[in-house]
Each structure stands twice: as structure tokens, then as C-alpha cells.
Amino acid sequence: MVDKINGVNPIQRGVPGIEQTSRKPQTDFKDLLMKAIEEVNQSQKEAEQATIDFVTGKISSVHDVILKAEEATMTLRLTTEVRNRIIEAYREIMRMQI
């Protein structure tokens, strides 16, 4: 006689003996990515504006311009690395046999 084994999913069914609290609305992965891309874009725009302001004489500190440019560069590099990791994880999942 074989007993049927049910899958356990603590997120959906809860853990016995622990009272479930109200859940916060979940943010979609797509929304997180879109927000991150918008932040990268905003950082790039701020760096470009700082450069324009320096050239036109609105700001005189070259350090502020360099800091904005480096921040934009680092943000873009981080986003690119995250994208590369996501793509690699997707490829790894696709290689798995069911």
C-alpha cells in the first residue's frame, strides 16, 4: 500500500501551529526590473545634466560632475551584471532535464 504524499508549500498553506498574518501585496519581478531601469536612466540623465551645467558655468565644481558620472557608470555596470546573471540563470534552467 502506497500512501499519497502531498507537496508542502508553506507560503500557500501555512505552517501548522503558526498563525497566518495578513500579507503585503507582492511586487512583480517585472515591476522591480522596470523600476531599476528607470533609476539607471535617471542617474544617466543627472550625470548628463551635471556635465551640461559645468560646461555652461552653472556649477563650478568638476568634482560634482565626476561623482555624478561615476555614479551613473557604476549603476549601469551593476544593472548589466544583474542582467547577465538573470540570463545565465535562465539558460541553466533551460538546460535542466525534467
PDB file of N, CA and C in Angstrom:
ATOM      1  N   MET A   1       0.833  -1.165   0.000  1.00  0.00           N
ATOM      2  CA  MET A   1       0.000   0.000   0.000  1.00  0.00           C
ATOM      3  C   MET A   1       0.890   1.246   0.000  1.00  0.00           C
ATOM      4  N   VAL A   2       0.661   2.136  -0.953  1.00  0.00           N
ATOM      5  CA  VAL A   2       1.452   3.347  -1.098  1.00  0.00           C
ATOM      6  C   VAL A   2       0.609   4.535  -0.659  1.00  0.00           C
ATOM      7  N   ASP A   3       1.146   5.287   0.282  1.00  0.00           N
ATOM      8  CA  ASP A   3       0.446   6.487   0.738  1.00  0.00           C
ATOM      9  C   ASP A   3       0.727   7.623  -0.222  1.00  0.00           C
ATOM     10  N   LYS A   4      -0.273   8.435  -0.416  1.00  0.00           N
ATOM     11  CA  LYS A   4      -0.108   9.596  -1.280  1.00  0.00           C
ATOM     12  C   LYS A   4       0.619  10.685  -0.484  1.00  0.00           C
ATOM     13  N   ILE A   5       1.678  11.231  -1.081  1.00  0.00           N
ATOM     14  CA  ILE A   5       2.445  12.282  -0.432  1.00  0.00           C
ATOM     15  C   ILE A   5       2.077  13.605  -1.092  1.00  0.00           C
ATOM     16  N   ASN A   6       1.572  14.500  -0.287  1.00  0.00           N
ATOM     17  CA  ASN A   6       1.198  15.820  -0.793  1.00  0.00           C
ATOM     18  C   ASN A   6       2.382  16.760  -0.663  1.00  0.00           C
ATOM     19  N   GLY A   7       2.537  17.612  -1.646  1.00  0.00           N
ATOM     20  CA  GLY A   7       3.590  18.612  -1.584  1.00  0.00           C
ATOM     21  C   GLY A   7       3.286  19.634  -0.494  1.00  0.00           C
ATOM     22  N   VAL A   8       4.313  20.150   0.104  1.00  0.00           N
ATOM     23  CA  VAL A   8       4.147  21.141   1.153  1.00  0.00           C
ATOM     24  C   VAL A   8       4.648  22.474   0.635  1.00  0.00           C
ATOM     25  N   ASN A   9       3.784  23.437   0.690  1.00  0.00           N
ATOM     26  CA  ASN A   9       4.152  24.775   0.284  1.00  0.00           C
ATOM     27  C   ASN A   9       3.803  25.707   1.432  1.00  0.00           C
ATOM     28  N   PRO A  10       4.772  26.049   2.295  1.00  0.00           N
ATOM     29  CA  PRO A  10       4.470  26.848   3.481  1.00  0.00           C
ATOM     30  C   PRO A  10       3.946  28.239   3.169  1.00  0.00           C
ATOM     31  N   ILE A  11       4.196  28.730   1.985  1.00  0.00           N
ATOM     32  CA  ILE A  11       3.718  30.064   1.640  1.00  0.00           C
ATOM     33  C   ILE A  11       2.218  30.034   1.391  1.00  0.00           C
ATOM     34  N   GLN A  12       1.723  29.016   0.717  1.00  0.00           N
ATOM     35  CA  GLN A  12       0.314  28.953   0.399  1.00  0.00           C
ATOM     36  C   GLN A  12      -0.507  28.327   1.523  1.00  0.00           C
ATOM     37  N   ARG A  13      -0.032  27.260   2.107  1.00  0.00           N
ATOM     38  CA  ARG A  13      -0.819  26.522   3.094  1.00  0.00           C
ATOM     39  C   ARG A  13      -0.517  26.931   4.519  1.00  0.00           C
ATOM     40  N   GLY A  14       0.605  27.555   4.737  1.00  0.00           N
ATOM     41  CA  GLY A  14       0.971  27.956   6.084  1.00  0.00           C
ATOM     42  C   GLY A  14       1.656  26.824   6.830  1.00  0.00           C
ATOM     43  N   VAL A  15       2.281  27.158   7.907  1.00  0.00           N
ATOM     44  CA  VAL A  15       2.973  26.191   8.737  1.00  0.00           C
ATOM     45  C   VAL A  15       2.057  25.850   9.900  1.00  0.00           C
ATOM     46  N   PRO A  16       1.849  24.546  10.183  1.00  0.00           N
ATOM     47  CA  PRO A  16       0.961  24.181  11.280  1.00  0.00           C
ATOM     48  C   PRO A  16       1.439  24.781  12.597  1.00  0.00           C
ATOM     49  N   GLY A  17       0.500  25.320  13.348  1.00  0.00           N
ATOM     50  CA  GLY A  17       0.823  25.881  14.650  1.00  0.00           C
ATOM     51  C   GLY A  17       1.243  27.331  14.611  1.00  0.00           C
ATOM     52  N   ILE A  18       1.404  27.885  13.414  1.00  0.00           N
ATOM     53  CA  ILE A  18       1.781  29.291  13.299  1.00  0.00           C
ATOM     54  C   ILE A  18       0.628  30.029  12.640  1.00  0.00           C
ATOM     55  N   GLU A  19       0.164  31.051  13.326  1.00  0.00           N
ATOM     56  CA  GLU A  19      -0.971  31.818  12.816  1.00  0.00           C
ATOM     57  C   GLU A  19      -0.526  32.673  11.635  1.00  0.00           C
ATOM     58  N   GLN A  20      -1.327  32.674  10.582  1.00  0.00           N
ATOM     59  CA  GLN A  20      -1.018  33.457   9.403  1.00  0.00           C
ATOM     60  C   GLN A  20      -1.414  34.917   9.635  1.00  0.00           C
ATOM     61  N   THR A  21      -0.547  35.821   9.260  1.00  0.00           N
ATOM     62  CA  THR A  21      -0.847  37.241   9.358  1.00  0.00           C
ATOM     63  C   THR A  21      -1.264  37.742   7.991  1.00  0.00           C
ATOM     64  N   SER A  22      -1.803  38.927   7.951  1.00  0.00           N
ATOM     65  CA  SER A  22      -2.192  39.475   6.655  1.00  0.00           C
ATOM     66  C   SER A  22      -0.938  39.694   5.820  1.00  0.00           C
ATOM     67  N   ARG A  23      -1.047  39.415   4.547  1.00  0.00           N
ATOM     68  CA  ARG A  23       0.111  39.508   3.652  1.00  0.00           C
ATOM     69  C   ARG A  23       0.132  40.850   2.957  1.00  0.00           C
ATOM     70  N   LYS A  24       1.329  41.335   2.727  1.00  0.00           N
ATOM     71  CA  LYS A  24       1.505  42.574   1.986  1.00  0.00           C
ATOM     72  C   LYS A  24       1.376  42.262   0.495  1.00  0.00           C
ATOM     73  N   PRO A  25       0.907  43.201  -0.282  1.00  0.00           N
ATOM     74  CA  PRO A  25       0.837  42.948  -1.722  1.00  0.00           C
ATOM     75  C   PRO A  25       2.234  42.708  -2.284  1.00  0.00           C
ATOM     76  N   GLN A  26       2.341  41.720  -3.140  1.00  0.00           N
ATOM     77  CA  GLN A  26       3.640  41.374  -3.714  1.00  0.00           C
ATOM     78  C   GLN A  26       3.906  42.233  -4.949  1.00  0.00           C
ATOM     79  N   THR A  27       5.163  42.565  -5.132  1.00  0.00           N
ATOM     80  CA  THR A  27       5.584  43.310  -6.310  1.00  0.00           C
ATOM     81  C   THR A  27       6.082  42.309  -7.338  1.00  0.00           C
ATOM     82  N   ASP A  28       5.638  42.465  -8.556  1.00  0.00           N
ATOM     83  CA  ASP A  28       6.077  41.574  -9.627  1.00  0.00           C
ATOM     84  C   ASP A  28       7.553  41.803  -9.923  1.00  0.00           C
ATOM     85  N   PHE A  29       8.208  40.749 -10.383  1.00  0.00           N
ATOM     86  CA  PHE A  29       9.619  40.830 -10.765  1.00  0.00           C
ATOM     87  C   PHE A  29       9.790  41.838 -11.895  1.00  0.00           C
ATOM     88  N   LYS A  30       8.844  41.837 -12.808  1.00  0.00           N
ATOM     89  CA  LYS A  30       8.879  42.772 -13.933  1.00  0.00           C
ATOM     90  C   LYS A  30       8.869  44.215 -13.426  1.00  0.00           C
ATOM     91  N   ASP A  31       8.031  44.498 -12.427  1.00  0.00           N
ATOM     92  CA  ASP A  31       7.955  45.848 -11.876  1.00  0.00           C
ATOM     93  C   ASP A  31       9.264  46.248 -11.212  1.00  0.00           C
ATOM     94  N   LEU A  32       9.897  45.314 -10.517  1.00  0.00           N
ATOM     95  CA  LEU A  32      11.195  45.598  -9.896  1.00  0.00           C
ATOM     96  C   LEU A  32      12.247  45.932 -10.949  1.00  0.00           C
ATOM     97  N   LEU A  33      12.255  45.170 -12.028  1.00  0.00           N
ATOM     98  CA  LEU A  33      13.218  45.427 -13.100  1.00  0.00           C
ATOM     99  C   LEU A  33      12.967  46.772 -13.767  1.00  0.00           C
ATOM    100  N   MET A  34      11.701  47.081 -14.013  1.00  0.00           N
ATOM    101  CA  MET A  34      11.364  48.357 -14.645  1.00  0.00           C
ATOM    102  C   MET A  34      11.776  49.524 -13.753  1.00  0.00           C
ATOM    103  N   LYS A  35      11.558  49.390 -12.449  1.00  0.00           N
ATOM    104  CA  LYS A  35      11.947  50.446 -11.517  1.00  0.00           C
ATOM    105  C   LYS A  35      13.468  50.627 -11.517  1.00  0.00           C
ATOM    106  N   ALA A  36      14.199  49.521 -11.522  1.00  0.00           N
ATOM    107  CA  ALA A  36      15.665  49.590 -11.541  1.00  0.00           C
ATOM    108  C   ALA A  36      16.168  50.249 -12.822  1.00  0.00           C
ATOM    109  N   ILE A  37      15.565  49.912 -13.945  1.00  0.00           N
ATOM    110  CA  ILE A  37      15.970  50.502 -15.224  1.00  0.00           C
ATOM    111  C   ILE A  37      15.666  51.994 -15.240  1.00  0.00           C
ATOM    112  N   GLU A  38      14.531  52.383 -14.672  1.00  0.00           N
ATOM    113  CA  GLU A  38      14.191  53.803 -14.595  1.00  0.00           C
ATOM    114  C   GLU A  38      15.201  54.557 -13.722  1.00  0.00           C
ATOM    115  N   GLU A  39      15.643  53.927 -12.633  1.00  0.00           N
ATOM    116  CA  GLU A  39      16.644  54.554 -11.771  1.00  0.00           C
ATOM    117  C   GLU A  39      17.981  54.711 -12.490  1.00  0.00           C
ATOM    118  N   VAL A  40      18.361  53.726 -13.275  1.00  0.00           N
ATOM    119  CA  VAL A  40      19.598  53.821 -14.059  1.00  0.00           C
ATOM    120  C   VAL A  40      19.476  54.950 -15.071  1.00  0.00           C
ATOM    121  N   ASN A  41      18.347  55.017 -15.724  1.00  0.00           N
ATOM    122  CA  ASN A  41      18.110  56.072 -16.705  1.00  0.00           C
ATOM    123  C   ASN A  41      18.170  57.451 -16.043  1.00  0.00           C
ATOM    124  N   GLN A  42      17.550  57.574 -14.869  1.00  0.00           N
ATOM    125  CA  GLN A  42      17.562  58.845 -14.147  1.00  0.00           C
ATOM    126  C   GLN A  42      18.998  59.236 -13.757  1.00  0.00           C
ATOM    127  N   SER A  43      19.773  58.257 -13.334  1.00  0.00           N
ATOM    128  CA  SER A  43      21.166  58.513 -12.973  1.00  0.00           C
ATOM    129  C   SER A  43      21.960  59.004 -14.183  1.00  0.00           C
ATOM    130  N   GLN A  44      21.726  58.394 -15.342  1.00  0.00           N
ATOM    131  CA  GLN A  44      22.397  58.824 -16.573  1.00  0.00           C
ATOM    132  C   GLN A  44      22.010  60.255 -16.936  1.00  0.00           C
ATOM    133  N   LYS A  45      20.718  60.574 -16.788  1.00  0.00           N
ATOM    134  CA  LYS A  45      20.253  61.926 -17.094  1.00  0.00           C
ATOM    135  C   LYS A  45      20.859  62.956 -16.149  1.00  0.00           C
ATOM    136  N   GLU A  46      20.972  62.604 -14.869  1.00  0.00           N
ATOM    137  CA  GLU A  46      21.563  63.523 -13.896  1.00  0.00           C
ATOM    138  C   GLU A  46      23.039  63.778 -14.216  1.00  0.00           C
ATOM    139  N   ALA A  47      23.748  62.743 -14.618  1.00  0.00           N
ATOM    140  CA  ALA A  47      25.156  62.911 -14.984  1.00  0.00           C
ATOM    141  C   ALA A  47      25.292  63.796 -16.216  1.00  0.00           C
ATOM    142  N   GLU A  48      24.420  63.586 -17.181  1.00  0.00           N
ATOM    143  CA  GLU A  48      24.457  64.411 -18.388  1.00  0.00           C
ATOM    144  C   GLU A  48      24.132  65.874 -18.056  1.00  0.00           C
ATOM    145  N   GLN A  49      23.134  66.075 -17.191  1.00  0.00           N
ATOM    146  CA  GLN A  49      22.769  67.436 -16.810  1.00  0.00           C
ATOM    147  C   GLN A  49      23.897  68.117 -16.035  1.00  0.00           C
ATOM    148  N   ALA A  50      24.578  67.363 -15.170  1.00  0.00           N
ATOM    149  CA  ALA A  50      25.709  67.922 -14.425  1.00  0.00           C
ATOM    150  C   ALA A  50      26.821  68.344 -15.373  1.00  0.00           C
ATOM    151  N   THR A  51      27.055  67.563 -16.409  1.00  0.00           N
ATOM    152  CA  THR A  51      28.070  67.917 -17.410  1.00  0.00           C
ATOM    153  C   THR A  51      27.679  69.198 -18.147  1.00  0.00           C
ATOM    154  N   ILE A  52      26.426  69.275 -18.543  1.00  0.00           N
ATOM    155  CA  ILE A  52      25.936  70.477 -19.241  1.00  0.00           C
ATOM    156  C   ILE A  52      26.049  71.695 -18.331  1.00  0.00           C
ATOM    157  N   ASP A  53      25.651  71.519 -17.063  1.00  0.00           N
ATOM    158  CA  ASP A  53      25.742  72.631 -16.110  1.00  0.00           C
ATOM    159  C   ASP A  53      27.186  73.087 -15.905  1.00  0.00           C
ATOM    160  N   PHE A  54      28.115  72.161 -15.905  1.00  0.00           N
ATOM    161  CA  PHE A  54      29.529  72.518 -15.747  1.00  0.00           C
ATOM    162  C   PHE A  54      30.031  73.287 -16.962  1.00  0.00           C
ATOM    163  N   VAL A  55      29.684  72.801 -18.141  1.00  0.00           N
ATOM    164  CA  VAL A  55      30.143  73.437 -19.371  1.00  0.00           C
ATOM    165  C   VAL A  55      29.556  74.841 -19.507  1.00  0.00           C
ATOM    166  N   THR A  56      28.300  75.013 -19.120  1.00  0.00           N
ATOM    167  CA  THR A  56      27.662  76.328 -19.241  1.00  0.00           C
ATOM    168  C   THR A  56      27.989  77.253 -18.081  1.00  0.00           C
ATOM    169  N   GLY A  57      28.676  76.748 -17.064  1.00  0.00           N
ATOM    170  CA  GLY A  57      29.104  77.583 -15.956  1.00  0.00           C
ATOM    171  C   GLY A  57      28.118  77.662 -14.801  1.00  0.00           C
ATOM    172  N   LYS A  58      27.069  76.858 -14.827  1.00  0.00           N
ATOM    173  CA  LYS A  58      26.081  76.883 -13.735  1.00  0.00           C
ATOM    174  C   LYS A  58      26.665  76.302 -12.453  1.00  0.00           C
ATOM    175  N   ILE A  59      27.554  75.318 -12.586  1.00  0.00           N
ATOM    176  CA  ILE A  59      28.276  74.791 -11.428  1.00  0.00           C
ATOM    177  C   ILE A  59      29.762  74.862 -11.738  1.00  0.00           C
ATOM    178  N   SER A  60      30.550  75.086 -10.703  1.00  0.00           N
ATOM    179  CA  SER A  60      31.988  75.257 -10.948  1.00  0.00           C
ATOM    180  C   SER A  60      32.818  74.088 -10.425  1.00  0.00           C
ATOM    181  N   SER A  61      32.190  73.154  -9.728  1.00  0.00           N
ATOM    182  CA  SER A  61      32.933  72.048  -9.141  1.00  0.00           C
ATOM    183  C   SER A  61      32.987  70.867 -10.109  1.00  0.00           C
ATOM    184  N   VAL A  62      34.180  70.613 -10.614  1.00  0.00           N
ATOM    185  CA  VAL A  62      34.353  69.473 -11.505  1.00  0.00           C
ATOM    186  C   VAL A  62      34.177  68.164 -10.730  1.00  0.00           C
ATOM    187  N   HIS A  63      34.404  68.226  -9.425  1.00  0.00           N
ATOM    188  CA  HIS A  63      34.252  67.025  -8.599  1.00  0.00           C
ATOM    189  C   HIS A  63      32.807  66.520  -8.608  1.00  0.00           C
ATOM    190  N   ASP A  64      31.850  67.447  -8.557  1.00  0.00           N
ATOM    191  CA  ASP A  64      30.440  67.049  -8.600  1.00  0.00           C
ATOM    192  C   ASP A  64      30.110  66.356  -9.919  1.00  0.00           C
ATOM    193  N   VAL A  65      30.662  66.876 -10.997  1.00  0.00           N
ATOM    194  CA  VAL A  65      30.418  66.288 -12.319  1.00  0.00           C
ATOM    195  C   VAL A  65      31.012  64.887 -12.380  1.00  0.00           C
ATOM    196  N   ILE A  66      32.229  64.739 -11.898  1.00  0.00           N
ATOM    197  CA  ILE A  66      32.894  63.431 -11.928  1.00  0.00           C
ATOM    198  C   ILE A  66      32.147  62.433 -11.050  1.00  0.00           C
ATOM    199  N   LEU A  67      31.706  62.880  -9.872  1.00  0.00           N
ATOM    200  CA  LEU A  67      30.955  61.983  -8.987  1.00  0.00           C
ATOM    201  C   LEU A  67      29.655  61.512  -9.636  1.00  0.00           C
ATOM    202  N   LYS A  68      28.934  62.428 -10.269  1.00  0.00           N
ATOM    203  CA  LYS A  68      27.680  62.051 -10.948  1.00  0.00           C
ATOM    204  C   LYS A  68      27.968  61.075 -12.092  1.00  0.00           C
ATOM    205  N   ALA A  69      29.026  61.337 -12.850  1.00  0.00           N
ATOM    206  CA  ALA A  69      29.363  60.457 -13.965  1.00  0.00           C
ATOM    207  C   ALA A  69      29.765  59.074 -13.474  1.00  0.00           C
ATOM    208  N   GLU A  70      30.560  59.014 -12.412  1.00  0.00           N
ATOM    209  CA  GLU A  70      30.967  57.713 -11.865  1.00  0.00           C
ATOM    210  C   GLU A  70      29.785  56.958 -11.273  1.00  0.00           C
ATOM    211  N   GLU A  71      28.898  57.681 -10.615  1.00  0.00           N
ATOM    212  CA  GLU A  71      27.702  57.040 -10.067  1.00  0.00           C
ATOM    213  C   GLU A  71      26.862  56.430 -11.184  1.00  0.00           C
ATOM    214  N   ALA A  72      26.694  57.173 -12.267  1.00  0.00           N
ATOM    215  CA  ALA A  72      25.932  56.673 -13.410  1.00  0.00           C
ATOM    216  C   ALA A  72      26.613  55.455 -14.026  1.00  0.00           C
ATOM    217  N   THR A  73      27.934  55.501 -14.127  1.00  0.00           N
ATOM    218  CA  THR A  73      28.684  54.380 -14.693  1.00  0.00           C
ATOM    219  C   THR A  73      28.551  53.129 -13.828  1.00  0.00           C
ATOM    220  N   MET A  74      28.707  53.301 -12.528  1.00  0.00           N
ATOM    221  CA  MET A  74      28.606  52.155 -11.617  1.00  0.00           C
ATOM    222  C   MET A  74      27.189  51.568 -11.608  1.00  0.00           C
ATOM    223  N   THR A  75      26.193  52.434 -11.666  1.00  0.00           N
ATOM    224  CA  THR A  75      24.812  51.970 -11.703  1.00  0.00           C
ATOM    225  C   THR A  75      24.555  51.159 -12.962  1.00  0.00           C
ATOM    226  N   LEU A  76      25.070  51.639 -14.077  1.00  0.00           N
ATOM    227  CA  LEU A  76      24.893  50.917 -15.336  1.00  0.00           C
ATOM    228  C   LEU A  76      25.637  49.580 -15.314  1.00  0.00           C
ATOM    229  N   ARG A  77      26.842  49.554 -14.771  1.00  0.00           N
ATOM    230  CA  ARG A  77      27.598  48.295 -14.679  1.00  0.00           C
ATOM    231  C   ARG A  77      26.881  47.278 -13.795  1.00  0.00           C
ATOM    232  N   LEU A  78      26.354  47.748 -12.665  1.00  0.00           N
ATOM    233  CA  LEU A  78      25.618  46.852 -11.774  1.00  0.00           C
ATOM    234  C   LEU A  78      24.391  46.279 -12.465  1.00  0.00           C
ATOM    235  N   THR A  79      23.667  47.122 -13.157  1.00  0.00           N
ATOM    236  CA  THR A  79      22.479  46.664 -13.880  1.00  0.00           C
ATOM    237  C   THR A  79      22.852  45.645 -14.954  1.00  0.00           C
ATOM    238  N   THR A  80      23.943  45.886 -15.651  1.00  0.00           N
ATOM    239  CA  THR A  80      24.400  44.951 -16.673  1.00  0.00           C
ATOM    240  C   THR A  80      24.780  43.608 -16.057  1.00  0.00           C
ATOM    241  N   GLU A  81      25.457  43.628 -14.913  1.00  0.00           N
ATOM    242  CA  GLU A  81      25.825  42.377 -14.243  1.00  0.00           C
ATOM    243  C   GLU A  81      24.599  41.610 -13.768  1.00  0.00           C
ATOM    244  N   VAL A  82      23.624  42.321 -13.235  1.00  0.00           N
ATOM    245  CA  VAL A  82      22.389  41.660 -12.798  1.00  0.00           C
ATOM    246  C   VAL A  82      21.697  41.030 -13.997  1.00  0.00           C
ATOM    247  N   ARG A  83      21.645  41.758 -15.102  1.00  0.00           N
ATOM    248  CA  ARG A  83      21.049  41.205 -16.323  1.00  0.00           C
ATOM    249  C   ARG A  83      21.777  39.947 -16.764  1.00  0.00           C
ATOM    250  N   ASN A  84      23.114  39.986 -16.740  1.00  0.00           N
ATOM    251  CA  ASN A  84      23.899  38.818 -17.142  1.00  0.00           C
ATOM    252  C   ASN A  84      23.622  37.622 -16.239  1.00  0.00           C
ATOM    253  N   ARG A  85      23.492  37.866 -14.945  1.00  0.00           N
ATOM    254  CA  ARG A  85      23.202  36.772 -14.005  1.00  0.00           C
ATOM    255  C   ARG A  85      21.817  36.191 -14.242  1.00  0.00           C
ATOM    256  N   ILE A  86      20.859  37.046 -14.530  1.00  0.00           N
ATOM    257  CA  ILE A  86      19.491  36.580 -14.808  1.00  0.00           C
ATOM    258  C   ILE A  86      19.483  35.727 -16.071  1.00  0.00           C
ATOM    259  N   ILE A  87      20.165  36.176 -17.094  1.00  0.00           N
ATOM    260  CA  ILE A  87      20.220  35.412 -18.348  1.00  0.00           C
ATOM    261  C   ILE A  87      20.912  34.073 -18.124  1.00  0.00           C
ATOM    262  N   GLU A  88      21.999  34.062 -17.368  1.00  0.00           N
ATOM    263  CA  GLU A  88      22.706  32.809 -17.083  1.00  0.00           C
ATOM    264  C   GLU A  88      21.826  31.853 -16.283  1.00  0.00           C
ATOM    265  N   ALA A  89      21.081  32.376 -15.321  1.00  0.00           N
ATOM    266  CA  ALA A  89      20.169  31.524 -14.540  1.00  0.00           C
ATOM    267  C   ALA A  89      19.078  30.945 -15.441  1.00  0.00           C
ATOM    268  N   TYR A  90      18.559  31.752 -16.340  1.00  0.00           N
ATOM    269  CA  TYR A  90      17.537  31.276 -17.276  1.00  0.00           C
ATOM    270  C   TYR A  90      18.101  30.162 -18.164  1.00  0.00           C
ATOM    271  N   ARG A  91      19.308  30.367 -18.662  1.00  0.00           N
ATOM    272  CA  ARG A  91      19.928  29.340 -19.509  1.00  0.00           C
ATOM    273  C   ARG A  91      20.156  28.046 -18.737  1.00  0.00           C
ATOM    274  N   GLU A  92      20.562  28.170 -17.480  1.00  0.00           N
ATOM    275  CA  GLU A  92      20.783  27.000 -16.641  1.00  0.00           C
ATOM    276  C   GLU A  92      19.475  26.238 -16.418  1.00  0.00           C
ATOM    277  N   ILE A  93      18.407  26.963 -16.187  1.00  0.00           N
ATOM    278  CA  ILE A  93      17.103  26.331 -16.009  1.00  0.00           C
ATOM    279  C   ILE A  93      16.680  25.626 -17.287  1.00  0.00           C
ATOM    280  N   MET A  94      16.940  26.240 -18.430  1.00  0.00           N
ATOM    281  CA  MET A  94      16.564  25.631 -19.712  1.00  0.00           C
ATOM    282  C   MET A  94      17.365  24.370 -19.994  1.00  0.00           C
ATOM    283  N   ARG A  95      18.576  24.254 -19.431  1.00  0.00           N
ATOM    284  CA  ARG A  95      19.395  23.055 -19.636  1.00  0.00           C
ATOM    285  C   ARG A  95      18.934  21.879 -18.774  1.00  0.00           C
ATOM    286  N   MET A  96      18.174  22.158 -17.740  1.00  0.00           N
ATOM    287  CA  MET A  96      17.731  21.089 -16.844  1.00  0.00           C
ATOM    288  C   MET A  96      16.771  20.150 -17.559  1.00  0.00           C
ATOM    289  N   GLN A  97      16.915  18.887 -17.238  1.00  0.00           N
ATOM    290  CA  GLN A  97      16.004  17.894 -17.791  1.00  0.00           C
ATOM    291  C   GLN A  97      14.925  17.586 -16.780  1.00  0.00           C
ATOM    292  N   ILE A  98      13.737  17.441 -17.297  1.00  0.00           N
ATOM    293  CA  ILE A  98      12.595  17.161 -16.413  1.00  0.00           C
ATOM    294  C   ILE A  98      12.387  15.664 -16.294  1.00  0.00           C
TER     295      ILE A  98
END
